[in-house]
Amino acid sequence: MTKAIACLTLCTLLAGSAASAQTPVGTNPPKDPSLGVDLSTFLARNRTRIMLADADHDGRVSRAEWAAWWDARPGKGPYDPAGRFRAIDADGDGFLTDEEIDATSTKRFARLDADHDGRVVRAERPCRAK
């Protein structure tokens, strides 16, 4: 009887671990760089990158934080950081929020997605000077 219980327990554990190792239905498959990025990944990456300038960690980037961030990285960012800030700051309150970043990034994604398949691949992205 003890062997039967132990055997049943072991089978249950093995079945449970095999089921948890499978990719659940409705989740993203493993990332393949040749497939490019979808909108949600694009938004998350842009939001994360821009929020690096949030020095006081209040969940928004002020005009001063933005200027300080790009002043510390000359030649690495937009050619006109102040103009880029104004373009993202839709309500003109002097702060960049997640919603404003996502709205601007969504428009950019739509421009980059040349074949309108919901993914941006390397071939669709503009060339960058090194």
N, C-alpha and C. Protein backbone atom coordinates (compact mmCIF):
# COMPACT_ATOMS: atom_id res chain seq x y z
N MET A 1 0.83 -1.19 0.00
CA MET A 1 0.00 0.00 0.00
C MET A 1 0.87 1.25 0.00
N THR A 2 1.97 1.25 0.78
CA THR A 2 2.86 2.39 0.85
C THR A 2 3.54 2.61 -0.49
N LYS A 3 3.93 1.52 -1.16
CA LYS A 3 4.55 1.64 -2.48
C LYS A 3 3.57 2.25 -3.48
N ALA A 4 2.32 1.88 -3.41
CA ALA A 4 1.30 2.40 -4.32
C ALA A 4 1.10 3.89 -4.11
N ILE A 5 1.09 4.33 -2.86
CA ILE A 5 0.92 5.75 -2.55
C ILE A 5 2.14 6.53 -3.03
N ALA A 6 3.33 5.98 -2.76
CA ALA A 6 4.56 6.65 -3.19
C ALA A 6 4.60 6.74 -4.71
N CYS A 7 4.21 5.68 -5.39
CA CYS A 7 4.20 5.65 -6.85
C CYS A 7 3.19 6.66 -7.40
N LEU A 8 2.02 6.72 -6.81
CA LEU A 8 1.00 7.65 -7.24
C LEU A 8 1.45 9.10 -7.01
N THR A 9 2.08 9.35 -5.89
CA THR A 9 2.59 10.69 -5.57
C THR A 9 3.65 11.10 -6.58
N LEU A 10 4.57 10.19 -6.88
CA LEU A 10 5.63 10.47 -7.83
C LEU A 10 5.05 10.76 -9.21
N CYS A 11 4.09 9.96 -9.64
CA CYS A 11 3.45 10.18 -10.95
C CYS A 11 2.75 11.53 -10.99
N THR A 12 2.10 11.90 -9.92
CA THR A 12 1.40 13.19 -9.85
C THR A 12 2.40 14.33 -9.95
N LEU A 13 3.51 14.23 -9.23
CA LEU A 13 4.54 15.27 -9.27
C LEU A 13 5.14 15.39 -10.67
N LEU A 14 5.45 14.27 -11.28
CA LEU A 14 6.03 14.30 -12.62
C LEU A 14 5.06 14.88 -13.64
N ALA A 15 3.81 14.52 -13.55
CA ALA A 15 2.80 15.05 -14.47
C ALA A 15 2.63 16.55 -14.28
N GLY A 16 2.65 17.00 -13.03
CA GLY A 16 2.51 18.42 -12.73
C GLY A 16 3.69 19.22 -13.24
N SER A 17 4.91 18.68 -13.08
CA SER A 17 6.09 19.43 -13.55
C SER A 17 6.15 19.46 -15.07
N ALA A 18 5.71 18.41 -15.73
CA ALA A 18 5.69 18.39 -17.20
C ALA A 18 4.67 19.40 -17.72
N ALA A 19 3.54 19.48 -17.06
CA ALA A 19 2.50 20.43 -17.49
C ALA A 19 2.96 21.86 -17.27
N SER A 20 3.67 22.13 -16.19
CA SER A 20 4.11 23.49 -15.93
C SER A 20 5.26 23.90 -16.83
N ALA A 21 5.96 22.95 -17.42
CA ALA A 21 7.07 23.26 -18.32
C ALA A 21 6.58 23.64 -19.70
N GLN A 22 5.34 23.32 -20.04
CA GLN A 22 4.81 23.65 -21.35
C GLN A 22 4.38 25.10 -21.40
N THR A 23 4.42 25.69 -22.58
CA THR A 23 3.98 27.07 -22.76
C THR A 23 2.46 27.10 -22.73
N PRO A 24 1.87 27.85 -21.80
CA PRO A 24 0.41 27.92 -21.72
C PRO A 24 -0.17 28.54 -22.99
N VAL A 25 -1.37 28.15 -23.32
CA VAL A 25 -2.06 28.68 -24.49
C VAL A 25 -2.30 30.17 -24.28
N GLY A 26 -2.07 30.95 -25.32
CA GLY A 26 -2.32 32.39 -25.24
C GLY A 26 -1.13 33.20 -24.78
N THR A 27 0.00 32.56 -24.51
CA THR A 27 1.18 33.31 -24.13
C THR A 27 2.12 33.41 -25.31
N ASN A 28 3.07 34.31 -25.22
CA ASN A 28 4.01 34.50 -26.31
C ASN A 28 4.99 33.34 -26.38
N PRO A 29 5.28 32.85 -27.58
CA PRO A 29 6.28 31.81 -27.74
C PRO A 29 7.67 32.38 -27.47
N PRO A 30 8.70 31.54 -27.39
CA PRO A 30 10.05 32.06 -27.17
C PRO A 30 10.41 33.11 -28.21
N LYS A 31 11.20 34.08 -27.80
CA LYS A 31 11.54 35.20 -28.67
C LYS A 31 12.49 34.77 -29.79
N ASP A 32 12.16 35.16 -31.01
CA ASP A 32 12.99 34.92 -32.17
C ASP A 32 13.26 36.28 -32.79
N PRO A 33 14.52 36.76 -32.74
CA PRO A 33 14.82 38.11 -33.24
C PRO A 33 14.39 38.34 -34.68
N SER A 34 14.37 37.29 -35.49
CA SER A 34 13.99 37.48 -36.89
C SER A 34 12.51 37.83 -37.05
N LEU A 35 11.71 37.57 -36.00
CA LEU A 35 10.29 37.89 -36.04
C LEU A 35 10.00 39.34 -35.69
N GLY A 36 11.02 40.09 -35.24
CA GLY A 36 10.84 41.47 -34.86
C GLY A 36 10.12 41.60 -33.52
N VAL A 37 9.52 42.75 -33.29
CA VAL A 37 8.82 42.99 -32.04
C VAL A 37 7.38 43.41 -32.31
N ASP A 38 6.51 43.03 -31.39
CA ASP A 38 5.12 43.44 -31.50
C ASP A 38 4.93 44.77 -30.77
N LEU A 39 3.73 45.32 -30.84
CA LEU A 39 3.47 46.63 -30.26
C LEU A 39 3.71 46.65 -28.76
N SER A 40 3.25 45.63 -28.03
CA SER A 40 3.40 45.66 -26.57
C SER A 40 4.87 45.64 -26.16
N THR A 41 5.68 44.88 -26.87
CA THR A 41 7.12 44.84 -26.57
C THR A 41 7.76 46.17 -26.91
N PHE A 42 7.38 46.73 -28.05
CA PHE A 42 7.90 48.03 -28.49
C PHE A 42 7.58 49.11 -27.46
N LEU A 43 6.33 49.12 -26.98
CA LEU A 43 5.93 50.12 -25.98
C LEU A 43 6.71 49.94 -24.69
N ALA A 44 6.82 48.71 -24.23
CA ALA A 44 7.53 48.44 -22.96
C ALA A 44 8.99 48.87 -23.06
N ARG A 45 9.63 48.57 -24.17
CA ARG A 45 11.04 48.95 -24.33
C ARG A 45 11.21 50.46 -24.35
N ASN A 46 10.36 51.17 -25.10
CA ASN A 46 10.47 52.62 -25.15
C ASN A 46 10.18 53.27 -23.81
N ARG A 47 9.14 52.77 -23.14
CA ARG A 47 8.79 53.31 -21.82
C ARG A 47 9.95 53.11 -20.84
N THR A 48 10.52 51.91 -20.82
CA THR A 48 11.63 51.61 -19.91
C THR A 48 12.83 52.50 -20.22
N ARG A 49 13.14 52.65 -21.50
CA ARG A 49 14.30 53.46 -21.91
C ARG A 49 14.11 54.92 -21.50
N ILE A 50 12.94 55.48 -21.76
CA ILE A 50 12.71 56.89 -21.43
C ILE A 50 12.64 57.10 -19.92
N MET A 51 12.06 56.15 -19.20
CA MET A 51 11.93 56.31 -17.75
C MET A 51 13.27 56.19 -17.02
N LEU A 52 14.33 55.81 -17.71
CA LEU A 52 15.66 55.81 -17.10
C LEU A 52 16.05 57.23 -16.66
N ALA A 53 15.49 58.23 -17.31
CA ALA A 53 15.78 59.62 -16.96
C ALA A 53 15.06 60.07 -15.69
N ASP A 54 14.15 59.27 -15.16
CA ASP A 54 13.37 59.62 -13.96
C ASP A 54 14.25 59.51 -12.71
N ALA A 55 15.03 60.56 -12.46
CA ALA A 55 16.01 60.54 -11.38
C ALA A 55 15.38 60.44 -9.99
N ASP A 56 14.23 61.06 -9.78
CA ASP A 56 13.61 61.02 -8.45
C ASP A 56 12.62 59.87 -8.29
N HIS A 57 12.49 59.04 -9.31
CA HIS A 57 11.65 57.82 -9.27
C HIS A 57 10.21 58.09 -8.85
N ASP A 58 9.65 59.18 -9.40
CA ASP A 58 8.25 59.48 -9.09
C ASP A 58 7.29 58.99 -10.19
N GLY A 59 7.83 58.24 -11.16
CA GLY A 59 6.98 57.68 -12.19
C GLY A 59 6.72 58.59 -13.37
N ARG A 60 7.42 59.71 -13.44
CA ARG A 60 7.31 60.62 -14.56
C ARG A 60 8.65 61.34 -14.72
N VAL A 61 8.90 61.81 -15.92
CA VAL A 61 10.18 62.47 -16.23
C VAL A 61 9.92 63.96 -16.40
N SER A 62 10.57 64.76 -15.58
CA SER A 62 10.42 66.21 -15.69
C SER A 62 11.32 66.74 -16.79
N ARG A 63 11.07 67.96 -17.20
CA ARG A 63 11.89 68.60 -18.23
C ARG A 63 13.34 68.68 -17.75
N ALA A 64 13.55 68.98 -16.47
CA ALA A 64 14.91 69.08 -15.92
C ALA A 64 15.61 67.72 -15.90
N GLU A 65 14.87 66.68 -15.53
CA GLU A 65 15.45 65.32 -15.53
C GLU A 65 15.84 64.92 -16.95
N TRP A 66 14.98 65.22 -17.91
CA TRP A 66 15.24 64.89 -19.31
C TRP A 66 16.51 65.61 -19.79
N ALA A 67 16.60 66.92 -19.50
CA ALA A 67 17.76 67.70 -19.94
C ALA A 67 19.04 67.17 -19.29
N ALA A 68 18.98 66.87 -17.99
CA ALA A 68 20.16 66.36 -17.29
C ALA A 68 20.59 65.01 -17.86
N TRP A 69 19.61 64.17 -18.16
CA TRP A 69 19.91 62.84 -18.72
C TRP A 69 20.68 62.97 -20.03
N TRP A 70 20.17 63.81 -20.94
CA TRP A 70 20.82 63.93 -22.24
C TRP A 70 22.08 64.76 -22.19
N ASP A 71 22.17 65.71 -21.26
CA ASP A 71 23.42 66.48 -21.10
C ASP A 71 24.56 65.55 -20.68
N ALA A 72 24.23 64.52 -19.90
CA ALA A 72 25.25 63.57 -19.44
C ALA A 72 25.65 62.58 -20.54
N ARG A 73 24.93 62.58 -21.65
CA ARG A 73 25.19 61.64 -22.76
C ARG A 73 25.24 62.38 -24.09
N PRO A 74 26.20 63.28 -24.26
CA PRO A 74 26.23 64.06 -25.50
C PRO A 74 26.41 63.17 -26.73
N GLY A 75 25.63 63.47 -27.76
CA GLY A 75 25.73 62.73 -29.01
C GLY A 75 25.06 61.37 -29.01
N LYS A 76 24.44 60.97 -27.90
CA LYS A 76 23.83 59.64 -27.82
C LYS A 76 22.32 59.66 -28.05
N GLY A 77 21.70 60.80 -27.94
CA GLY A 77 20.24 60.84 -28.01
C GLY A 77 19.71 61.57 -29.21
N PRO A 78 18.50 62.10 -29.08
CA PRO A 78 17.89 62.82 -30.20
C PRO A 78 18.70 64.08 -30.52
N TYR A 79 18.67 64.51 -31.77
CA TYR A 79 19.43 65.70 -32.16
C TYR A 79 18.90 66.94 -31.47
N ASP A 80 17.64 66.93 -31.06
CA ASP A 80 17.02 68.06 -30.37
C ASP A 80 16.25 67.52 -29.14
N PRO A 81 16.96 67.28 -28.02
CA PRO A 81 16.28 66.70 -26.85
C PRO A 81 15.09 67.53 -26.36
N ALA A 82 15.21 68.86 -26.39
CA ALA A 82 14.11 69.71 -25.92
C ALA A 82 12.90 69.57 -26.84
N GLY A 83 13.14 69.52 -28.14
CA GLY A 83 12.04 69.34 -29.09
C GLY A 83 11.40 67.97 -28.94
N ARG A 84 12.22 66.96 -28.70
CA ARG A 84 11.68 65.60 -28.49
C ARG A 84 10.81 65.57 -27.24
N PHE A 85 11.27 66.24 -26.18
CA PHE A 85 10.47 66.31 -24.94
C PHE A 85 9.10 66.93 -25.23
N ARG A 86 9.12 68.07 -25.94
CA ARG A 86 7.85 68.75 -26.27
C ARG A 86 6.94 67.85 -27.10
N ALA A 87 7.53 67.07 -27.99
CA ALA A 87 6.72 66.18 -28.84
C ALA A 87 6.04 65.09 -28.02
N ILE A 88 6.71 64.61 -27.00
CA ILE A 88 6.13 63.54 -26.17
C ILE A 88 5.15 64.11 -25.14
N ASP A 89 5.45 65.28 -24.61
CA ASP A 89 4.64 65.90 -23.55
C ASP A 89 3.35 66.48 -24.15
N ALA A 90 2.39 65.62 -24.42
CA ALA A 90 1.16 66.00 -25.13
C ALA A 90 0.35 67.07 -24.40
N ASP A 91 0.28 67.01 -23.07
CA ASP A 91 -0.54 67.98 -22.35
C ASP A 91 0.26 69.23 -21.96
N GLY A 92 1.55 69.26 -22.24
CA GLY A 92 2.37 70.45 -21.99
C GLY A 92 2.58 70.80 -20.54
N ASP A 93 2.44 69.80 -19.65
CA ASP A 93 2.59 70.09 -18.22
C ASP A 93 4.03 70.01 -17.73
N GLY A 94 4.98 69.70 -18.61
CA GLY A 94 6.39 69.65 -18.21
C GLY A 94 6.82 68.30 -17.67
N PHE A 95 5.99 67.30 -17.82
CA PHE A 95 6.31 65.95 -17.35
C PHE A 95 5.93 64.94 -18.41
N LEU A 96 6.75 63.89 -18.54
CA LEU A 96 6.43 62.77 -19.42
C LEU A 96 5.88 61.64 -18.56
N THR A 97 4.70 61.16 -18.92
CA THR A 97 4.08 60.06 -18.19
C THR A 97 4.07 58.81 -19.07
N ASP A 98 3.78 57.68 -18.47
CA ASP A 98 3.70 56.43 -19.22
C ASP A 98 2.70 56.55 -20.38
N GLU A 99 1.56 57.19 -20.12
CA GLU A 99 0.53 57.31 -21.14
C GLU A 99 1.02 58.13 -22.33
N GLU A 100 1.73 59.23 -22.06
CA GLU A 100 2.24 60.07 -23.14
C GLU A 100 3.33 59.33 -23.93
N ILE A 101 4.18 58.62 -23.22
CA ILE A 101 5.24 57.85 -23.88
C ILE A 101 4.61 56.78 -24.77
N ASP A 102 3.61 56.08 -24.24
CA ASP A 102 2.95 55.03 -25.02
C ASP A 102 2.24 55.59 -26.25
N ALA A 103 1.60 56.74 -26.11
CA ALA A 103 0.89 57.35 -27.24
C ALA A 103 1.87 57.70 -28.36
N THR A 104 2.99 58.31 -28.00
CA THR A 104 4.00 58.68 -28.99
C THR A 104 4.63 57.44 -29.61
N SER A 105 4.91 56.44 -28.77
CA SER A 105 5.54 55.21 -29.26
C SER A 105 4.60 54.43 -30.17
N THR A 106 3.30 54.47 -29.89
CA THR A 106 2.33 53.79 -30.74
C THR A 106 2.32 54.40 -32.13
N LYS A 107 2.39 55.72 -32.21
CA LYS A 107 2.44 56.40 -33.51
C LYS A 107 3.72 56.03 -34.25
N ARG A 108 4.83 55.98 -33.53
CA ARG A 108 6.11 55.62 -34.15
C ARG A 108 6.07 54.18 -34.66
N PHE A 109 5.50 53.28 -33.86
CA PHE A 109 5.38 51.89 -34.28
C PHE A 109 4.59 51.78 -35.58
N ALA A 110 3.50 52.52 -35.67
CA ALA A 110 2.67 52.50 -36.88
C ALA A 110 3.46 52.98 -38.09
N ARG A 111 4.31 53.99 -37.90
CA ARG A 111 5.14 54.47 -39.02
C ARG A 111 6.19 53.44 -39.42
N LEU A 112 6.78 52.77 -38.43
CA LEU A 112 7.84 51.79 -38.71
C LEU A 112 7.31 50.49 -39.31
N ASP A 113 6.10 50.11 -38.95
CA ASP A 113 5.52 48.84 -39.41
C ASP A 113 5.06 48.98 -40.86
N ALA A 114 6.02 48.95 -41.78
CA ALA A 114 5.77 49.23 -43.19
C ALA A 114 4.77 48.27 -43.82
N ASP A 115 4.81 47.00 -43.46
CA ASP A 115 3.90 46.03 -44.08
C ASP A 115 2.61 45.83 -43.27
N HIS A 116 2.47 46.57 -42.19
CA HIS A 116 1.25 46.56 -41.36
C HIS A 116 0.86 45.16 -40.87
N ASP A 117 1.88 44.38 -40.48
CA ASP A 117 1.60 43.03 -39.98
C ASP A 117 1.59 42.96 -38.45
N GLY A 118 1.74 44.11 -37.79
CA GLY A 118 1.72 44.14 -36.33
C GLY A 118 3.06 43.84 -35.69
N ARG A 119 4.11 43.78 -36.50
CA ARG A 119 5.46 43.53 -36.00
C ARG A 119 6.43 44.44 -36.74
N VAL A 120 7.44 44.91 -36.03
CA VAL A 120 8.51 45.68 -36.67
C VAL A 120 9.75 44.80 -36.69
N VAL A 121 10.24 44.54 -37.89
CA VAL A 121 11.45 43.73 -38.05
C VAL A 121 12.60 44.66 -38.42
N ARG A 122 13.81 44.14 -38.28
CA ARG A 122 15.00 44.95 -38.53
C ARG A 122 14.97 45.61 -39.92
N ALA A 123 14.49 44.91 -40.92
CA ALA A 123 14.46 45.46 -42.28
C ALA A 123 13.55 46.69 -42.39
N GLU A 124 12.57 46.81 -41.52
CA GLU A 124 11.65 47.95 -41.56
C GLU A 124 12.19 49.15 -40.81
N ARG A 125 13.18 48.93 -39.96
CA ARG A 125 13.71 50.03 -39.16
C ARG A 125 14.69 50.85 -39.96
N PRO A 126 14.70 52.16 -39.77
CA PRO A 126 15.64 53.00 -40.51
C PRO A 126 17.08 52.70 -40.09
N CYS A 127 17.99 52.88 -41.02
CA CYS A 127 19.42 52.66 -40.72
C CYS A 127 19.90 53.75 -39.77
N ARG A 128 20.77 53.35 -38.87
CA ARG A 128 21.36 54.31 -37.92
C ARG A 128 22.83 54.46 -38.23
N ALA A 129 23.32 55.67 -38.16
CA ALA A 129 24.75 55.90 -38.31
C ALA A 129 25.48 55.40 -37.09
N LYS A 130 26.61 54.82 -37.30
CA LYS A 130 27.38 54.27 -36.16
C LYS A 130 28.34 55.29 -35.65
